[in-house]
Amino acid sequence: MALQYIGKDPESGKDGSPTVFVDQDNGDLVVQGWIADGSTRTGCLESGPIPDHETVVRVPARMMAMVKEACDAAERADVH
């Protein structure tokens, strides 16, 4: 898997999270982020269950430019 690093939250300090990547093999976005708190999970559950193999990740609004950049990179990915 070839991950293209897009960027990390500039306010995260030395720990380097949240972070956004693009999988260049299939164009998927890969997001490292904070595990959502209980109220966020509850809000998400209003639209349906969260399978055991999934979680809810929160990405701060200040990273939206990075998420947009990742989406653009994903669209350009040479997916086979």
PDB file of N, CA and C in Angstrom:
ATOM      1  N   MET A   1       0.863  -1.177   0.000  1.00  0.00           N
ATOM      2  CA  MET A   1       0.000   0.000   0.000  1.00  0.00           C
ATOM      3  C   MET A   1       0.901   1.229   0.000  1.00  0.00           C
ATOM      4  N   ALA A   2       0.668   2.121  -0.944  1.00  0.00           N
ATOM      5  CA  ALA A   2       1.428   3.361  -1.052  1.00  0.00           C
ATOM      6  C   ALA A   2       0.583   4.513  -0.524  1.00  0.00           C
ATOM      7  N   LEU A   3       0.911   4.999   0.673  1.00  0.00           N
ATOM      8  CA  LEU A   3       0.164   6.111   1.253  1.00  0.00           C
ATOM      9  C   LEU A   3       0.850   7.432   0.945  1.00  0.00           C
ATOM     10  N   GLN A   4       0.057   8.377   0.461  1.00  0.00           N
ATOM     11  CA  GLN A   4       0.551   9.734   0.223  1.00  0.00           C
ATOM     12  C   GLN A   4       0.155  10.581   1.428  1.00  0.00           C
ATOM     13  N   TYR A   5       1.153  11.082   2.144  1.00  0.00           N
ATOM     14  CA  TYR A   5       0.910  11.957   3.288  1.00  0.00           C
ATOM     15  C   TYR A   5       0.402  13.296   2.781  1.00  0.00           C
ATOM     16  N   ILE A   6      -0.731  13.770   3.337  1.00  0.00           N
ATOM     17  CA  ILE A   6      -1.275  15.062   2.956  1.00  0.00           C
ATOM     18  C   ILE A   6      -0.947  16.101   4.018  1.00  0.00           C
ATOM     19  N   GLY A   7      -1.222  15.789   5.265  1.00  0.00           N
ATOM     20  CA  GLY A   7      -0.898  16.741   6.317  1.00  0.00           C
ATOM     21  C   GLY A   7      -1.459  16.318   7.657  1.00  0.00           C
ATOM     22  N   LYS A   8      -0.981  17.017   8.702  1.00  0.00           N
ATOM     23  CA  LYS A   8      -1.482  16.756  10.050  1.00  0.00           C
ATOM     24  C   LYS A   8      -1.957  18.055  10.670  1.00  0.00           C
ATOM     25  N   ASP A   9      -2.758  17.929  11.684  1.00  0.00           N
ATOM     26  CA  ASP A   9      -3.293  19.067  12.411  1.00  0.00           C
ATOM     27  C   ASP A   9      -2.128  19.876  12.973  1.00  0.00           C
ATOM     28  N   PRO A  10      -1.975  21.128  12.556  1.00  0.00           N
ATOM     29  CA  PRO A  10      -0.854  21.932  13.028  1.00  0.00           C
ATOM     30  C   PRO A  10      -0.932  22.254  14.517  1.00  0.00           C
ATOM     31  N   GLU A  11      -2.086  22.043  15.120  1.00  0.00           N
ATOM     32  CA  GLU A  11      -2.233  22.316  16.547  1.00  0.00           C
ATOM     33  C   GLU A  11      -2.110  21.061  17.400  1.00  0.00           C
ATOM     34  N   SER A  12      -1.695  19.947  16.795  1.00  0.00           N
ATOM     35  CA  SER A  12      -1.650  18.685  17.532  1.00  0.00           C
ATOM     36  C   SER A  12      -0.370  18.490  18.323  1.00  0.00           C
ATOM     37  N   GLY A  13       0.611  19.352  18.134  1.00  0.00           N
ATOM     38  CA  GLY A  13       1.862  19.194  18.864  1.00  0.00           C
ATOM     39  C   GLY A  13       2.689  18.050  18.321  1.00  0.00           C
ATOM     40  N   LYS A  14       3.582  17.555  19.147  1.00  0.00           N
ATOM     41  CA  LYS A  14       4.526  16.531  18.686  1.00  0.00           C
ATOM     42  C   LYS A  14       3.895  15.165  18.444  1.00  0.00           C
ATOM     43  N   ASP A  15       2.675  14.954  18.935  1.00  0.00           N
ATOM     44  CA  ASP A  15       2.033  13.650  18.763  1.00  0.00           C
ATOM     45  C   ASP A  15       1.566  13.402  17.329  1.00  0.00           C
ATOM     46  N   GLY A  16       1.333  14.450  16.550  1.00  0.00           N
ATOM     47  CA  GLY A  16       1.055  14.305  15.130  1.00  0.00           C
ATOM     48  C   GLY A  16      -0.287  13.720  14.747  1.00  0.00           C
ATOM     49  N   SER A  17      -1.306  14.013  15.482  1.00  0.00           N
ATOM     50  CA  SER A  17      -2.629  13.504  15.142  1.00  0.00           C
ATOM     51  C   SER A  17      -3.587  14.678  15.223  1.00  0.00           C
ATOM     52  N   PRO A  18      -4.614  14.722  14.485  1.00  0.00           N
ATOM     53  CA  PRO A  18      -5.054  13.903  13.362  1.00  0.00           C
ATOM     54  C   PRO A  18      -4.190  14.117  12.108  1.00  0.00           C
ATOM     55  N   THR A  19      -4.247  13.132  11.226  1.00  0.00           N
ATOM     56  CA  THR A  19      -3.452  13.144   9.998  1.00  0.00           C
ATOM     57  C   THR A  19      -4.311  12.600   8.857  1.00  0.00           C
ATOM     58  N   VAL A  20      -4.076  13.125   7.649  1.00  0.00           N
ATOM     59  CA  VAL A  20      -4.820  12.689   6.462  1.00  0.00           C
ATOM     60  C   VAL A  20      -3.836  12.152   5.429  1.00  0.00           C
ATOM     61  N   PHE A  21      -4.177  10.994   4.853  1.00  0.00           N
ATOM     62  CA  PHE A  21      -3.391  10.344   3.805  1.00  0.00           C
ATOM     63  C   PHE A  21      -4.324   9.960   2.661  1.00  0.00           C
ATOM     64  N   VAL A  22      -3.733   9.652   1.502  1.00  0.00           N
ATOM     65  CA  VAL A  22      -4.466   9.060   0.382  1.00  0.00           C
ATOM     66  C   VAL A  22      -3.769   7.756   0.020  1.00  0.00           C
ATOM     67  N   ASP A  23      -4.552   6.678  -0.087  1.00  0.00           N
ATOM     68  CA  ASP A  23      -4.033   5.399  -0.547  1.00  0.00           C
ATOM     69  C   ASP A  23      -3.928   5.491  -2.063  1.00  0.00           C
ATOM     70  N   GLN A  24      -2.728   5.511  -2.581  1.00  0.00           N
ATOM     71  CA  GLN A  24      -2.524   5.685  -4.017  1.00  0.00           C
ATOM     72  C   GLN A  24      -2.877   4.444  -4.824  1.00  0.00           C
ATOM     73  N   ASP A  25      -3.080   3.318  -4.150  1.00  0.00           N
ATOM     74  CA  ASP A  25      -3.468   2.108  -4.860  1.00  0.00           C
ATOM     75  C   ASP A  25      -4.941   2.110  -5.251  1.00  0.00           C
ATOM     76  N   ASN A  26      -5.796   2.737  -4.390  1.00  0.00           N
ATOM     77  CA  ASN A  26      -7.229   2.688  -4.691  1.00  0.00           C
ATOM     78  C   ASN A  26      -7.948   4.024  -4.517  1.00  0.00           C
ATOM     79  N   GLY A  27      -7.220   5.084  -4.129  1.00  0.00           N
ATOM     80  CA  GLY A  27      -7.825   6.405  -3.992  1.00  0.00           C
ATOM     81  C   GLY A  27      -8.565   6.631  -2.690  1.00  0.00           C
ATOM     82  N   ASP A  28      -8.535   5.655  -1.773  1.00  0.00           N
ATOM     83  CA  ASP A  28      -9.210   5.832  -0.491  1.00  0.00           C
ATOM     84  C   ASP A  28      -8.529   6.904   0.352  1.00  0.00           C
ATOM     85  N   LEU A  29      -9.318   7.621   1.149  1.00  0.00           N
ATOM     86  CA  LEU A  29      -8.753   8.507   2.158  1.00  0.00           C
ATOM     87  C   LEU A  29      -8.477   7.679   3.401  1.00  0.00           C
ATOM     88  N   VAL A  30      -7.340   7.917   4.028  1.00  0.00           N
ATOM     89  CA  VAL A  30      -6.982   7.265   5.280  1.00  0.00           C
ATOM     90  C   VAL A  30      -6.829   8.382   6.303  1.00  0.00           C
ATOM     91  N   VAL A  31      -7.601   8.288   7.374  1.00  0.00           N
ATOM     92  CA  VAL A  31      -7.634   9.356   8.370  1.00  0.00           C
ATOM     93  C   VAL A  31      -7.230   8.793   9.725  1.00  0.00           C
ATOM     94  N   GLN A  32      -6.246   9.418  10.304  1.00  0.00           N
ATOM     95  CA  GLN A  32      -5.890   9.137  11.697  1.00  0.00           C
ATOM     96  C   GLN A  32      -6.486  10.280  12.489  1.00  0.00           C
ATOM     97  N   GLY A  33      -7.270   9.981  13.495  1.00  0.00           N
ATOM     98  CA  GLY A  33      -7.914  11.056  14.232  1.00  0.00           C
ATOM     99  C   GLY A  33      -8.286  10.655  15.633  1.00  0.00           C
ATOM    100  N   TRP A  34      -8.979  11.546  16.284  1.00  0.00           N
ATOM    101  CA  TRP A  34      -9.434  11.293  17.644  1.00  0.00           C
ATOM    102  C   TRP A  34     -10.635  10.363  17.606  1.00  0.00           C
ATOM    103  N   ILE A  35     -10.658   9.385  18.484  1.00  0.00           N
ATOM    104  CA  ILE A  35     -11.845   8.552  18.620  1.00  0.00           C
ATOM    105  C   ILE A  35     -12.941   9.449  19.171  1.00  0.00           C
ATOM    106  N   ALA A  36     -14.068   9.458  18.513  1.00  0.00           N
ATOM    107  CA  ALA A  36     -15.157  10.366  18.865  1.00  0.00           C
ATOM    108  C   ALA A  36     -15.676  10.085  20.278  1.00  0.00           C
ATOM    109  N   ASP A  37     -16.102  11.143  20.935  1.00  0.00           N
ATOM    110  CA  ASP A  37     -16.655  11.020  22.282  1.00  0.00           C
ATOM    111  C   ASP A  37     -18.051  10.404  22.224  1.00  0.00           C
ATOM    112  N   GLY A  38     -18.586  10.092  23.393  1.00  0.00           N
ATOM    113  CA  GLY A  38     -19.876   9.417  23.488  1.00  0.00           C
ATOM    114  C   GLY A  38     -21.020  10.154  22.826  1.00  0.00           C
ATOM    115  N   SER A  39     -21.078  11.475  22.994  1.00  0.00           N
ATOM    116  CA  SER A  39     -22.193  12.217  22.398  1.00  0.00           C
ATOM    117  C   SER A  39     -22.102  12.233  20.873  1.00  0.00           C
ATOM    118  N   THR A  40     -20.887  12.259  20.335  1.00  0.00           N
ATOM    119  CA  THR A  40     -20.725  12.204  18.884  1.00  0.00           C
ATOM    120  C   THR A  40     -21.154  10.836  18.364  1.00  0.00           C
ATOM    121  N   ARG A  41     -20.730   9.778  19.055  1.00  0.00           N
ATOM    122  CA  ARG A  41     -21.135   8.424  18.648  1.00  0.00           C
ATOM    123  C   ARG A  41     -22.650   8.276  18.719  1.00  0.00           C
ATOM    124  N   THR A  42     -23.250   8.816  19.777  1.00  0.00           N
ATOM    125  CA  THR A  42     -24.701   8.737  19.918  1.00  0.00           C
ATOM    126  C   THR A  42     -25.381   9.438  18.753  1.00  0.00           C
ATOM    127  N   GLY A  43     -24.879  10.607  18.370  1.00  0.00           N
ATOM    128  CA  GLY A  43     -25.446  11.321  17.229  1.00  0.00           C
ATOM    129  C   GLY A  43     -25.322  10.522  15.940  1.00  0.00           C
ATOM    130  N   CYS A  44     -24.181   9.862  15.755  1.00  0.00           N
ATOM    131  CA  CYS A  44     -23.987   9.044  14.561  1.00  0.00           C
ATOM    132  C   CYS A  44     -24.918   7.835  14.565  1.00  0.00           C
ATOM    133  N   LEU A  45     -25.164   7.275  15.740  1.00  0.00           N
ATOM    134  CA  LEU A  45     -26.028   6.104  15.844  1.00  0.00           C
ATOM    135  C   LEU A  45     -27.473   6.403  15.475  1.00  0.00           C
ATOM    136  N   GLU A  46     -27.839   7.680  15.461  1.00  0.00           N
ATOM    137  CA  GLU A  46     -29.198   8.038  15.064  1.00  0.00           C
ATOM    138  C   GLU A  46     -29.487   7.660  13.611  1.00  0.00           C
ATOM    139  N   SER A  47     -28.420   7.560  12.798  1.00  0.00           N
ATOM    140  CA  SER A  47     -28.628   7.191  11.394  1.00  0.00           C
ATOM    141  C   SER A  47     -28.414   5.706  11.146  1.00  0.00           C
ATOM    142  N   GLY A  48     -28.038   4.960  12.174  1.00  0.00           N
ATOM    143  CA  GLY A  48     -27.860   3.521  12.022  1.00  0.00           C
ATOM    144  C   GLY A  48     -26.741   3.011  12.899  1.00  0.00           C
ATOM    145  N   PRO A  49     -26.573   1.683  12.969  1.00  0.00           N
ATOM    146  CA  PRO A  49     -25.560   1.100  13.846  1.00  0.00           C
ATOM    147  C   PRO A  49     -24.141   1.338  13.328  1.00  0.00           C
ATOM    148  N   ILE A  50     -23.196   1.283  14.240  1.00  0.00           N
ATOM    149  CA  ILE A  50     -21.770   1.327  13.895  1.00  0.00           C
ATOM    150  C   ILE A  50     -21.258  -0.102  14.062  1.00  0.00           C
ATOM    151  N   PRO A  51     -20.878  -0.762  12.967  1.00  0.00           N
ATOM    152  CA  PRO A  51     -20.418  -2.142  13.067  1.00  0.00           C
ATOM    153  C   PRO A  51     -19.201  -2.263  13.995  1.00  0.00           C
ATOM    154  N   ASP A  52     -19.035  -3.438  14.569  1.00  0.00           N
ATOM    155  CA  ASP A  52     -17.930  -3.671  15.503  1.00  0.00           C
ATOM    156  C   ASP A  52     -16.560  -3.430  14.875  1.00  0.00           C
ATOM    157  N   HIS A  53     -16.436  -3.603  13.572  1.00  0.00           N
ATOM    158  CA  HIS A  53     -15.146  -3.432  12.907  1.00  0.00           C
ATOM    159  C   HIS A  53     -14.911  -1.988  12.450  1.00  0.00           C
ATOM    160  N   GLU A  54     -15.787  -1.052  12.835  1.00  0.00           N
ATOM    161  CA  GLU A  54     -15.648   0.352  12.461  1.00  0.00           C
ATOM    162  C   GLU A  54     -15.669   1.227  13.709  1.00  0.00           C
ATOM    163  N   THR A  55     -15.240   2.475  13.545  1.00  0.00           N
ATOM    164  CA  THR A  55     -15.324   3.455  14.619  1.00  0.00           C
ATOM    165  C   THR A  55     -15.656   4.805  14.015  1.00  0.00           C
ATOM    166  N   VAL A  56     -15.931   5.760  14.841  1.00  0.00           N
ATOM    167  CA  VAL A  56     -16.188   7.124  14.408  1.00  0.00           C
ATOM    168  C   VAL A  56     -14.947   7.939  14.750  1.00  0.00           C
ATOM    169  N   VAL A  57     -14.442   8.673  13.769  1.00  0.00           N
ATOM    170  CA  VAL A  57     -13.239   9.488  13.948  1.00  0.00           C
ATOM    171  C   VAL A  57     -13.604  10.942  13.744  1.00  0.00           C
ATOM    172  N   ARG A  58     -13.113  11.798  14.624  1.00  0.00           N
ATOM    173  CA  ARG A  58     -13.373  13.236  14.502  1.00  0.00           C
ATOM    174  C   ARG A  58     -12.130  13.927  13.940  1.00  0.00           C
ATOM    175  N   VAL A  59     -12.339  14.742  12.907  1.00  0.00           N
ATOM    176  CA  VAL A  59     -11.280  15.550  12.294  1.00  0.00           C
ATOM    177  C   VAL A  59     -11.659  17.012  12.498  1.00  0.00           C
ATOM    178  N   PRO A  60     -10.757  17.825  13.061  1.00  0.00           N
ATOM    179  CA  PRO A  60     -11.111  19.214  13.338  1.00  0.00           C
ATOM    180  C   PRO A  60     -11.373  20.030  12.069  1.00  0.00           C
ATOM    181  N   ALA A  61     -12.268  20.981  12.176  1.00  0.00           N
ATOM    182  CA  ALA A  61     -12.641  21.830  11.036  1.00  0.00           C
ATOM    183  C   ALA A  61     -11.432  22.557  10.461  1.00  0.00           C
ATOM    184  N   ARG A  62     -10.463  22.867  11.290  1.00  0.00           N
ATOM    185  CA  ARG A  62      -9.277  23.587  10.793  1.00  0.00           C
ATOM    186  C   ARG A  62      -8.474  22.758   9.798  1.00  0.00           C
ATOM    187  N   MET A  63      -8.799  21.463   9.653  1.00  0.00           N
ATOM    188  CA  MET A  63      -8.098  20.598   8.709  1.00  0.00           C
ATOM    189  C   MET A  63      -8.847  20.427   7.392  1.00  0.00           C
ATOM    190  N   MET A  64      -9.935  21.140   7.183  1.00  0.00           N
ATOM    191  CA  MET A  64     -10.735  20.941   5.974  1.00  0.00           C
ATOM    192  C   MET A  64      -9.943  21.199   4.696  1.00  0.00           C
ATOM    193  N   ALA A  65      -9.025  22.146   4.704  1.00  0.00           N
ATOM    194  CA  ALA A  65      -8.207  22.369   3.509  1.00  0.00           C
ATOM    195  C   ALA A  65      -7.387  21.122   3.183  1.00  0.00           C
ATOM    196  N   MET A  66      -6.899  20.440   4.221  1.00  0.00           N
ATOM    197  CA  MET A  66      -6.140  19.201   4.007  1.00  0.00           C
ATOM    198  C   MET A  66      -7.052  18.092   3.492  1.00  0.00           C
ATOM    199  N   VAL A  67      -8.267  18.014   4.019  1.00  0.00           N
ATOM    200  CA  VAL A  67      -9.217  17.002   3.556  1.00  0.00           C
ATOM    201  C   VAL A  67      -9.566  17.255   2.091  1.00  0.00           C
ATOM    202  N   LYS A  68      -9.761  18.522   1.727  1.00  0.00           N
ATOM    203  CA  LYS A  68     -10.028  18.851   0.315  1.00  0.00           C
ATOM    204  C   LYS A  68      -8.845  18.471  -0.562  1.00  0.00           C
ATOM    205  N   GLU A  69      -7.631  18.759  -0.085  1.00  0.00           N
ATOM    206  CA  GLU A  69      -6.429  18.393  -0.839  1.00  0.00           C
ATOM    207  C   GLU A  69      -6.357  16.873  -1.014  1.00  0.00           C
ATOM    208  N   ALA A  70      -6.701  16.141   0.051  1.00  0.00           N
ATOM    209  CA  ALA A  70      -6.693  14.679  -0.024  1.00  0.00           C
ATOM    210  C   ALA A  70      -7.728  14.186  -1.026  1.00  0.00           C
ATOM    211  N   CYS A  71      -8.900  14.803  -1.037  1.00  0.00           N
ATOM    212  CA  CYS A  71      -9.931  14.419  -2.013  1.00  0.00           C
ATOM    213  C   CYS A  71      -9.451  14.659  -3.435  1.00  0.00           C
ATOM    214  N   ASP A  72      -8.807  15.794  -3.668  1.00  0.00           N
ATOM    215  CA  ASP A  72      -8.260  16.081  -4.992  1.00  0.00           C
ATOM    216  C   ASP A  72      -7.204  15.052  -5.382  1.00  0.00           C
ATOM    217  N   ALA A  73      -6.322  14.718  -4.436  1.00  0.00           N
ATOM    218  CA  ALA A  73      -5.274  13.726  -4.704  1.00  0.00           C
ATOM    219  C   ALA A  73      -5.897  12.359  -4.976  1.00  0.00           C
ATOM    220  N   ALA A  74      -6.950  12.022  -4.250  1.00  0.00           N
ATOM    221  CA  ALA A  74      -7.617  10.739  -4.458  1.00  0.00           C
ATOM    222  C   ALA A  74      -8.230  10.667  -5.852  1.00  0.00           C
ATOM    223  N   GLU A  75      -8.788  11.774  -6.304  1.00  0.00           N
ATOM    224  CA  GLU A  75      -9.366  11.797  -7.652  1.00  0.00           C
ATOM    225  C   GLU A  75      -8.295  11.644  -8.722  1.00  0.00           C
ATOM    226  N   ARG A  76      -7.094  12.133  -8.433  1.00  0.00           N
ATOM    227  CA  ARG A  76      -5.979  12.031  -9.402  1.00  0.00           C
ATOM    228  C   ARG A  76      -5.246  10.711  -9.301  1.00  0.00           C
ATOM    229  N   ALA A  77      -5.492   9.924  -8.244  1.00  0.00           N
ATOM    230  CA  ALA A  77      -4.757   8.675  -8.029  1.00  0.00           C
ATOM    231  C   ALA A  77      -4.899   7.760  -9.242  1.00  0.00           C
ATOM    232  N   ASP A  78      -3.802   7.127  -9.569  1.00  0.00           N
ATOM    233  CA  ASP A  78      -3.791   6.172 -10.680  1.00  0.00           C
ATOM    234  C   ASP A  78      -4.266   4.839 -10.142  1.00  0.00           C
ATOM    235  N   VAL A  79      -5.597   4.683 -10.056  1.00  0.00           N
ATOM    236  CA  VAL A  79      -6.200   3.489  -9.475  1.00  0.00           C
ATOM    237  C   VAL A  79      -6.297   2.402 -10.533  1.00  0.00           C
ATOM    238  N   HIS A  80      -5.867   1.215 -10.167  1.00  0.00           N
ATOM    239  CA  HIS A  80      -5.884   0.082 -11.117  1.00  0.00           C
ATOM    240  C   HIS A  80      -7.091  -0.777 -10.893  1.00  0.00           C
TER     241      HIS A  80
END
